[in-house]
N, C-alpha and C. Protein backbone atom coordinates (compact mmCIF):
# COMPACT_ATOMS: atom_id res chain seq x y z
N MET A 1 16.56 -18.43 -2.72
CA MET A 1 16.79 -17.03 -3.04
C MET A 1 15.91 -16.62 -4.22
N ILE A 2 15.47 -15.39 -4.22
CA ILE A 2 14.61 -14.90 -5.19
C ILE A 2 15.22 -13.57 -5.74
N LYS A 3 15.19 -13.43 -7.07
CA LYS A 3 15.65 -12.20 -7.71
C LYS A 3 14.46 -11.43 -8.25
N VAL A 4 14.34 -10.20 -7.96
CA VAL A 4 13.21 -9.39 -8.42
C VAL A 4 13.79 -8.24 -9.28
N ILE A 5 13.26 -8.03 -10.47
CA ILE A 5 13.66 -6.94 -11.36
C ILE A 5 12.41 -6.05 -11.63
N TYR A 6 12.63 -4.73 -11.40
CA TYR A 6 11.60 -3.77 -11.75
C TYR A 6 11.62 -3.58 -13.27
N GLN A 7 10.48 -3.86 -13.94
CA GLN A 7 10.40 -3.73 -15.38
C GLN A 7 9.84 -2.40 -15.89
N GLY A 8 9.53 -1.51 -14.96
CA GLY A 8 8.89 -0.28 -15.33
C GLY A 8 7.39 -0.41 -15.40
N LYS A 9 6.69 0.68 -15.39
CA LYS A 9 5.27 0.75 -15.49
C LYS A 9 4.63 -0.06 -14.34
N LEU A 10 5.19 0.00 -13.19
CA LEU A 10 4.66 -0.67 -11.99
C LEU A 10 4.57 -2.21 -12.06
N ARG A 11 5.51 -2.76 -12.86
CA ARG A 11 5.53 -4.23 -13.00
C ARG A 11 6.93 -4.74 -12.53
N THR A 12 6.89 -5.88 -11.83
CA THR A 12 8.14 -6.57 -11.46
C THR A 12 8.09 -7.98 -11.97
N GLU A 13 9.30 -8.52 -12.10
CA GLU A 13 9.43 -9.97 -12.45
C GLU A 13 10.30 -10.59 -11.36
N ALA A 14 9.74 -11.61 -10.73
CA ALA A 14 10.47 -12.30 -9.69
C ALA A 14 10.90 -13.71 -10.20
N THR A 15 12.14 -14.06 -9.94
CA THR A 15 12.62 -15.34 -10.42
C THR A 15 13.05 -16.17 -9.18
N HIS A 16 12.53 -17.37 -8.99
CA HIS A 16 13.00 -18.30 -7.97
C HIS A 16 14.28 -18.90 -8.51
N ILE A 17 15.38 -18.55 -7.92
CA ILE A 17 16.70 -18.89 -8.42
C ILE A 17 16.90 -20.30 -8.66
N SER A 18 16.63 -21.18 -7.73
CA SER A 18 16.96 -22.61 -7.86
C SER A 18 16.13 -23.32 -8.93
N SER A 19 14.86 -22.86 -9.17
CA SER A 19 14.00 -23.56 -10.12
C SER A 19 13.91 -22.75 -11.46
N GLN A 20 14.21 -21.50 -11.42
CA GLN A 20 14.04 -20.53 -12.51
C GLN A 20 12.58 -20.29 -12.84
N ASN A 21 11.68 -20.65 -11.99
CA ASN A 21 10.27 -20.28 -12.19
C ASN A 21 10.16 -18.75 -12.01
N LYS A 22 9.27 -18.10 -12.78
CA LYS A 22 9.09 -16.74 -12.76
C LYS A 22 7.64 -16.36 -12.50
N LEU A 23 7.43 -15.22 -11.93
CA LEU A 23 6.11 -14.62 -11.77
C LEU A 23 6.21 -13.11 -11.91
N LEU A 24 5.14 -12.54 -12.42
CA LEU A 24 4.97 -11.09 -12.54
C LEU A 24 4.08 -10.49 -11.55
N THR A 25 4.34 -9.27 -11.19
CA THR A 25 3.39 -8.49 -10.40
C THR A 25 3.08 -7.19 -11.08
N ASP A 26 1.84 -6.73 -10.92
CA ASP A 26 1.45 -5.40 -11.37
C ASP A 26 0.79 -4.69 -10.21
N ALA A 27 0.93 -3.34 -10.19
CA ALA A 27 0.12 -2.61 -9.23
C ALA A 27 -1.37 -2.82 -9.64
N PRO A 28 -2.23 -2.90 -8.60
CA PRO A 28 -3.67 -3.00 -8.95
C PRO A 28 -4.20 -1.76 -9.62
N LYS A 29 -5.34 -1.96 -10.37
CA LYS A 29 -5.97 -0.85 -11.05
C LYS A 29 -6.30 0.30 -10.07
N ASP A 30 -6.69 -0.02 -8.89
CA ASP A 30 -7.12 0.99 -7.97
C ASP A 30 -5.90 1.70 -7.30
N ASN A 31 -4.71 1.37 -7.74
CA ASN A 31 -3.49 2.06 -7.22
C ASN A 31 -2.53 2.27 -8.36
N HIS A 32 -3.08 2.86 -9.48
CA HIS A 32 -2.25 3.31 -10.61
C HIS A 32 -1.68 2.24 -11.51
N GLY A 33 -2.10 0.98 -11.32
CA GLY A 33 -1.49 -0.08 -12.12
C GLY A 33 -2.43 -0.62 -13.22
N LYS A 34 -1.90 -1.62 -13.94
CA LYS A 34 -2.68 -2.26 -14.99
C LYS A 34 -3.58 -3.36 -14.44
N GLY A 35 -3.19 -3.98 -13.26
CA GLY A 35 -3.97 -5.05 -12.77
C GLY A 35 -4.06 -6.24 -13.69
N GLU A 36 -3.01 -6.50 -14.43
CA GLU A 36 -2.98 -7.68 -15.43
C GLU A 36 -2.56 -8.94 -14.79
N THR A 37 -2.02 -8.85 -13.60
CA THR A 37 -1.58 -10.10 -12.91
C THR A 37 -1.65 -9.83 -11.44
N PHE A 38 -1.15 -10.72 -10.62
CA PHE A 38 -1.11 -10.58 -9.18
C PHE A 38 -0.46 -9.24 -8.78
N SER A 39 -1.04 -8.60 -7.76
CA SER A 39 -0.35 -7.46 -7.15
C SER A 39 0.51 -8.03 -6.04
N PRO A 40 1.42 -7.24 -5.52
CA PRO A 40 2.24 -7.71 -4.33
C PRO A 40 1.36 -8.10 -3.16
N THR A 41 0.30 -7.30 -2.96
CA THR A 41 -0.57 -7.64 -1.81
C THR A 41 -1.41 -8.93 -2.10
N ASP A 42 -1.74 -9.17 -3.36
CA ASP A 42 -2.41 -10.39 -3.78
C ASP A 42 -1.54 -11.61 -3.43
N LEU A 43 -0.23 -11.44 -3.67
CA LEU A 43 0.69 -12.57 -3.34
C LEU A 43 0.79 -12.79 -1.84
N VAL A 44 0.75 -11.71 -1.07
CA VAL A 44 0.76 -11.96 0.39
C VAL A 44 -0.49 -12.79 0.81
N CYS A 45 -1.61 -12.44 0.29
CA CYS A 45 -2.83 -13.11 0.65
C CYS A 45 -2.88 -14.53 0.14
N SER A 46 -2.44 -14.74 -1.11
CA SER A 46 -2.39 -16.09 -1.61
C SER A 46 -1.32 -16.95 -0.96
N SER A 47 -0.25 -16.29 -0.52
CA SER A 47 0.81 -16.97 0.29
C SER A 47 0.25 -17.51 1.56
N LEU A 48 -0.61 -16.73 2.24
CA LEU A 48 -1.19 -17.21 3.43
C LEU A 48 -2.08 -18.46 3.16
N ALA A 49 -2.88 -18.47 2.18
CA ALA A 49 -3.66 -19.65 1.81
C ALA A 49 -2.77 -20.84 1.45
N SER A 50 -1.80 -20.58 0.64
CA SER A 50 -0.88 -21.66 0.29
C SER A 50 -0.13 -22.26 1.44
N CYS A 51 0.30 -21.36 2.34
CA CYS A 51 1.00 -21.86 3.54
C CYS A 51 0.06 -22.66 4.40
N GLN A 52 -1.14 -22.14 4.60
CA GLN A 52 -2.12 -22.90 5.42
C GLN A 52 -2.38 -24.26 4.84
N MET A 53 -2.52 -24.33 3.51
CA MET A 53 -2.88 -25.59 2.87
C MET A 53 -1.58 -26.53 2.96
N THR A 54 -0.45 -25.97 2.84
CA THR A 54 0.79 -26.78 2.96
C THR A 54 0.90 -27.47 4.32
N VAL A 55 0.74 -26.69 5.42
CA VAL A 55 0.90 -27.22 6.73
C VAL A 55 -0.22 -28.15 7.05
N MET A 56 -1.45 -27.85 6.53
CA MET A 56 -2.56 -28.82 6.70
C MET A 56 -2.28 -30.08 5.98
N GLY A 57 -1.65 -30.02 4.81
CA GLY A 57 -1.23 -31.16 4.01
C GLY A 57 -0.28 -32.01 4.75
N ILE A 58 0.66 -31.42 5.41
CA ILE A 58 1.63 -32.18 6.21
C ILE A 58 0.94 -32.94 7.28
N LEU A 59 0.09 -32.24 8.05
CA LEU A 59 -0.68 -32.94 9.07
C LEU A 59 -1.58 -34.04 8.49
N ALA A 60 -2.24 -33.71 7.38
CA ALA A 60 -3.11 -34.69 6.74
C ALA A 60 -2.37 -35.98 6.32
N GLU A 61 -1.20 -35.80 5.74
CA GLU A 61 -0.40 -37.01 5.35
C GLU A 61 -0.04 -37.85 6.60
N ARG A 62 0.35 -37.17 7.64
CA ARG A 62 0.68 -37.87 8.89
C ARG A 62 -0.50 -38.59 9.48
N GLU A 63 -1.71 -38.00 9.34
CA GLU A 63 -2.95 -38.55 9.97
C GLU A 63 -3.71 -39.44 9.01
N GLY A 64 -3.25 -39.60 7.79
CA GLY A 64 -3.97 -40.44 6.80
C GLY A 64 -5.21 -39.80 6.26
N ILE A 65 -5.21 -38.49 6.13
CA ILE A 65 -6.36 -37.75 5.61
C ILE A 65 -6.04 -37.29 4.18
N ASN A 66 -6.91 -37.52 3.20
CA ASN A 66 -6.68 -37.07 1.85
C ASN A 66 -7.36 -35.75 1.64
N LEU A 67 -6.50 -34.66 1.52
CA LEU A 67 -7.01 -33.31 1.30
C LEU A 67 -7.04 -32.92 -0.18
N GLU A 68 -6.74 -33.86 -1.03
CA GLU A 68 -6.65 -33.53 -2.43
C GLU A 68 -8.03 -33.00 -2.92
N GLY A 69 -7.99 -31.86 -3.61
CA GLY A 69 -9.17 -31.26 -4.08
C GLY A 69 -9.71 -30.11 -3.24
N LEU A 70 -9.11 -29.93 -2.04
CA LEU A 70 -9.44 -28.80 -1.12
C LEU A 70 -9.13 -27.52 -1.87
N GLU A 71 -10.10 -26.61 -1.92
CA GLU A 71 -9.90 -25.34 -2.59
C GLU A 71 -9.95 -24.21 -1.55
N ALA A 72 -9.24 -23.10 -1.87
CA ALA A 72 -9.29 -21.93 -1.02
C ALA A 72 -9.58 -20.74 -1.92
N TYR A 73 -10.53 -19.96 -1.48
CA TYR A 73 -10.89 -18.75 -2.15
C TYR A 73 -10.48 -17.67 -1.20
N VAL A 74 -9.66 -16.71 -1.74
CA VAL A 74 -9.02 -15.72 -0.89
C VAL A 74 -9.56 -14.34 -1.26
N GLU A 75 -10.04 -13.59 -0.24
CA GLU A 75 -10.52 -12.27 -0.46
C GLU A 75 -9.63 -11.30 0.38
N LYS A 76 -9.14 -10.27 -0.35
CA LYS A 76 -8.23 -9.34 0.25
C LYS A 76 -9.04 -8.05 0.52
N ILE A 77 -9.04 -7.50 1.70
CA ILE A 77 -9.73 -6.25 2.00
C ILE A 77 -8.69 -5.25 2.39
N MET A 78 -8.57 -4.21 1.62
CA MET A 78 -7.59 -3.19 1.81
C MET A 78 -8.21 -2.06 2.71
N VAL A 79 -7.33 -1.38 3.48
CA VAL A 79 -7.75 -0.22 4.27
C VAL A 79 -6.83 0.93 3.89
N ASP A 80 -7.25 2.15 4.29
CA ASP A 80 -6.42 3.34 4.03
C ASP A 80 -5.84 3.89 5.29
N LYS A 81 -4.85 4.78 5.09
CA LYS A 81 -4.26 5.61 6.12
C LYS A 81 -3.61 4.79 7.20
N PRO A 82 -2.53 4.10 6.94
CA PRO A 82 -1.92 3.94 5.59
C PRO A 82 -2.56 2.84 4.79
N ARG A 83 -2.38 2.90 3.45
CA ARG A 83 -2.90 1.85 2.60
C ARG A 83 -2.15 0.58 2.94
N ARG A 84 -2.96 -0.51 3.28
CA ARG A 84 -2.43 -1.76 3.63
C ARG A 84 -3.51 -2.79 3.62
N ILE A 85 -3.13 -4.09 3.75
CA ILE A 85 -4.07 -5.16 3.91
C ILE A 85 -4.69 -5.06 5.31
N GLY A 86 -6.01 -4.95 5.32
CA GLY A 86 -6.68 -4.91 6.63
C GLY A 86 -7.28 -6.25 7.08
N ARG A 87 -7.69 -7.01 6.09
CA ARG A 87 -8.29 -8.31 6.39
C ARG A 87 -8.04 -9.27 5.25
N ILE A 88 -7.80 -10.56 5.57
CA ILE A 88 -7.71 -11.62 4.61
C ILE A 88 -8.68 -12.67 5.01
N LYS A 89 -9.67 -12.85 4.11
CA LYS A 89 -10.68 -13.87 4.31
C LYS A 89 -10.39 -15.05 3.41
N ILE A 90 -10.25 -16.25 3.94
CA ILE A 90 -10.04 -17.46 3.21
C ILE A 90 -11.23 -18.31 3.46
N THR A 91 -11.82 -18.83 2.37
CA THR A 91 -12.93 -19.74 2.46
C THR A 91 -12.51 -21.06 1.85
N TYR A 92 -12.42 -22.08 2.68
CA TYR A 92 -12.07 -23.41 2.14
C TYR A 92 -13.33 -24.16 1.73
N THR A 93 -13.27 -24.67 0.55
CA THR A 93 -14.36 -25.52 0.07
C THR A 93 -13.85 -26.94 -0.08
N CYS A 94 -14.52 -27.83 0.70
CA CYS A 94 -14.07 -29.23 0.75
C CYS A 94 -14.63 -30.03 -0.40
N PRO A 95 -13.86 -30.92 -0.94
CA PRO A 95 -14.40 -31.83 -1.94
C PRO A 95 -15.45 -32.78 -1.25
N ASP A 96 -16.34 -33.26 -2.11
CA ASP A 96 -17.45 -34.13 -1.57
C ASP A 96 -16.79 -35.39 -0.93
N SER A 97 -15.67 -35.84 -1.39
CA SER A 97 -15.03 -37.05 -0.91
C SER A 97 -14.37 -36.88 0.51
N LEU A 98 -14.27 -35.65 0.98
CA LEU A 98 -13.58 -35.40 2.27
C LEU A 98 -14.56 -35.46 3.44
N GLU A 99 -14.40 -36.45 4.28
CA GLU A 99 -15.20 -36.52 5.54
C GLU A 99 -14.21 -36.47 6.71
N LEU A 100 -14.47 -35.59 7.60
CA LEU A 100 -13.65 -35.34 8.76
C LEU A 100 -14.36 -35.58 10.04
N SER A 101 -13.67 -36.08 11.07
CA SER A 101 -14.24 -36.03 12.43
C SER A 101 -14.13 -34.65 12.86
N VAL A 102 -14.87 -34.30 13.94
CA VAL A 102 -14.81 -33.00 14.58
C VAL A 102 -13.34 -32.76 15.02
N LYS A 103 -12.71 -33.75 15.60
CA LYS A 103 -11.32 -33.61 16.06
C LYS A 103 -10.39 -33.37 14.94
N GLU A 104 -10.54 -34.06 13.81
CA GLU A 104 -9.67 -33.86 12.65
C GLU A 104 -9.84 -32.45 12.10
N HIS A 105 -11.07 -31.97 12.01
CA HIS A 105 -11.31 -30.64 11.52
C HIS A 105 -10.68 -29.62 12.45
N GLU A 106 -10.83 -29.77 13.78
CA GLU A 106 -10.26 -28.84 14.72
C GLU A 106 -8.71 -28.84 14.60
N LYS A 107 -8.09 -29.97 14.39
CA LYS A 107 -6.63 -30.04 14.25
C LYS A 107 -6.19 -29.31 12.93
N LEU A 108 -6.93 -29.58 11.87
CA LEU A 108 -6.60 -28.93 10.61
C LEU A 108 -6.77 -27.40 10.73
N HIS A 109 -7.85 -26.96 11.33
CA HIS A 109 -8.08 -25.54 11.49
C HIS A 109 -6.99 -24.91 12.34
N ARG A 110 -6.69 -25.54 13.52
CA ARG A 110 -5.63 -25.00 14.38
C ARG A 110 -4.27 -24.95 13.66
N THR A 111 -3.98 -25.98 12.85
CA THR A 111 -2.72 -26.04 12.11
C THR A 111 -2.71 -24.84 11.11
N ALA A 112 -3.80 -24.64 10.37
CA ALA A 112 -3.87 -23.55 9.43
C ALA A 112 -3.63 -22.21 10.04
N MET A 113 -4.21 -21.99 11.25
CA MET A 113 -4.14 -20.70 11.88
C MET A 113 -2.79 -20.47 12.52
N THR A 114 -1.91 -21.45 12.50
CA THR A 114 -0.54 -21.27 13.11
C THR A 114 0.50 -21.51 12.04
N CYS A 115 0.14 -21.29 10.77
CA CYS A 115 1.15 -21.42 9.71
C CYS A 115 2.19 -20.35 9.76
N PRO A 116 3.41 -20.53 9.19
CA PRO A 116 4.46 -19.54 9.26
C PRO A 116 4.12 -18.22 8.68
N VAL A 117 3.46 -18.20 7.54
CA VAL A 117 3.04 -16.96 6.92
C VAL A 117 2.09 -16.17 7.84
N GLY A 118 1.06 -16.86 8.41
CA GLY A 118 0.15 -16.24 9.23
C GLY A 118 0.76 -15.66 10.44
N LEU A 119 1.70 -16.36 11.02
CA LEU A 119 2.38 -15.91 12.21
C LEU A 119 3.40 -14.75 11.90
N SER A 120 3.68 -14.57 10.66
CA SER A 120 4.65 -13.52 10.24
C SER A 120 3.97 -12.25 9.88
N LEU A 121 2.62 -12.32 9.67
CA LEU A 121 1.88 -11.10 9.27
C LEU A 121 1.59 -10.22 10.51
N HIS A 122 1.52 -8.92 10.31
CA HIS A 122 1.26 -7.96 11.38
C HIS A 122 -0.02 -8.29 12.04
N SER A 123 -0.08 -8.11 13.36
CA SER A 123 -1.22 -8.51 14.18
C SER A 123 -2.44 -7.64 13.84
N ASP A 124 -2.25 -6.49 13.17
CA ASP A 124 -3.39 -5.64 12.81
C ASP A 124 -4.22 -6.30 11.58
N ILE A 125 -3.59 -7.24 10.90
CA ILE A 125 -4.30 -7.88 9.77
C ILE A 125 -5.14 -8.96 10.34
N VAL A 126 -6.47 -8.81 10.10
CA VAL A 126 -7.45 -9.81 10.51
C VAL A 126 -7.38 -11.02 9.56
N GLN A 127 -7.14 -12.22 10.13
CA GLN A 127 -7.12 -13.45 9.33
C GLN A 127 -8.34 -14.23 9.63
N GLU A 128 -9.23 -14.34 8.67
CA GLU A 128 -10.50 -14.99 8.89
C GLU A 128 -10.63 -16.27 7.97
N VAL A 129 -10.98 -17.41 8.56
CA VAL A 129 -11.07 -18.63 7.88
C VAL A 129 -12.48 -19.23 8.04
N GLU A 130 -13.06 -19.60 6.93
CA GLU A 130 -14.37 -20.28 6.94
C GLU A 130 -14.21 -21.57 6.12
N TRP A 131 -15.14 -22.54 6.43
CA TRP A 131 -15.16 -23.81 5.76
C TRP A 131 -16.53 -24.06 5.17
N GLU A 132 -16.56 -24.35 3.85
CA GLU A 132 -17.82 -24.67 3.14
C GLU A 132 -17.76 -26.15 2.71
N ASN A 133 -18.97 -26.72 2.57
CA ASN A 133 -19.17 -28.11 2.16
C ASN A 133 -18.41 -29.04 3.01
N LEU A 134 -18.38 -28.72 4.35
CA LEU A 134 -17.65 -29.60 5.28
C LEU A 134 -18.54 -30.73 5.74
N HIS A 135 -18.01 -31.94 5.49
CA HIS A 135 -18.79 -33.14 5.84
C HIS A 135 -18.15 -33.74 7.11
N LEU A 136 -18.82 -33.64 8.24
CA LEU A 136 -18.28 -34.13 9.48
C LEU A 136 -18.83 -35.57 9.76
N LYS A 137 -17.98 -36.50 10.17
CA LYS A 137 -18.36 -37.79 10.46
C LYS A 137 -19.21 -37.78 11.76
N ALA A 138 -20.19 -38.64 11.82
CA ALA A 138 -21.07 -38.78 13.03
C ALA A 138 -20.30 -39.27 14.19
């Protein structure tokens, strides 16, 4: 369970009840906010990347693949009428130590694209995933 409190001035504080971890959100600067921390739509996009990495991590542990150091860079593209997330672009950058077979990469990519967050997003939101510094085994 999560408790969210509106603090005024377009800022919220969310508390994860069982751990008491907290996070703040601000409206972005382009939508009347301060932009001093994550916006709610930033959290949606970062949740997609975190979810993809989590399910890929589950697969990787089962398959004996070490994904430690995998990075995701998330780009959020907003659209108007109505204002909403139009596209989420995630670029995975692989650490130099990660070598994958074509089959392993395909399994990881397929797993990422079927994560629970991704499957929960509206079908109008384009989800784009790219891989950089990918070392494929011969």
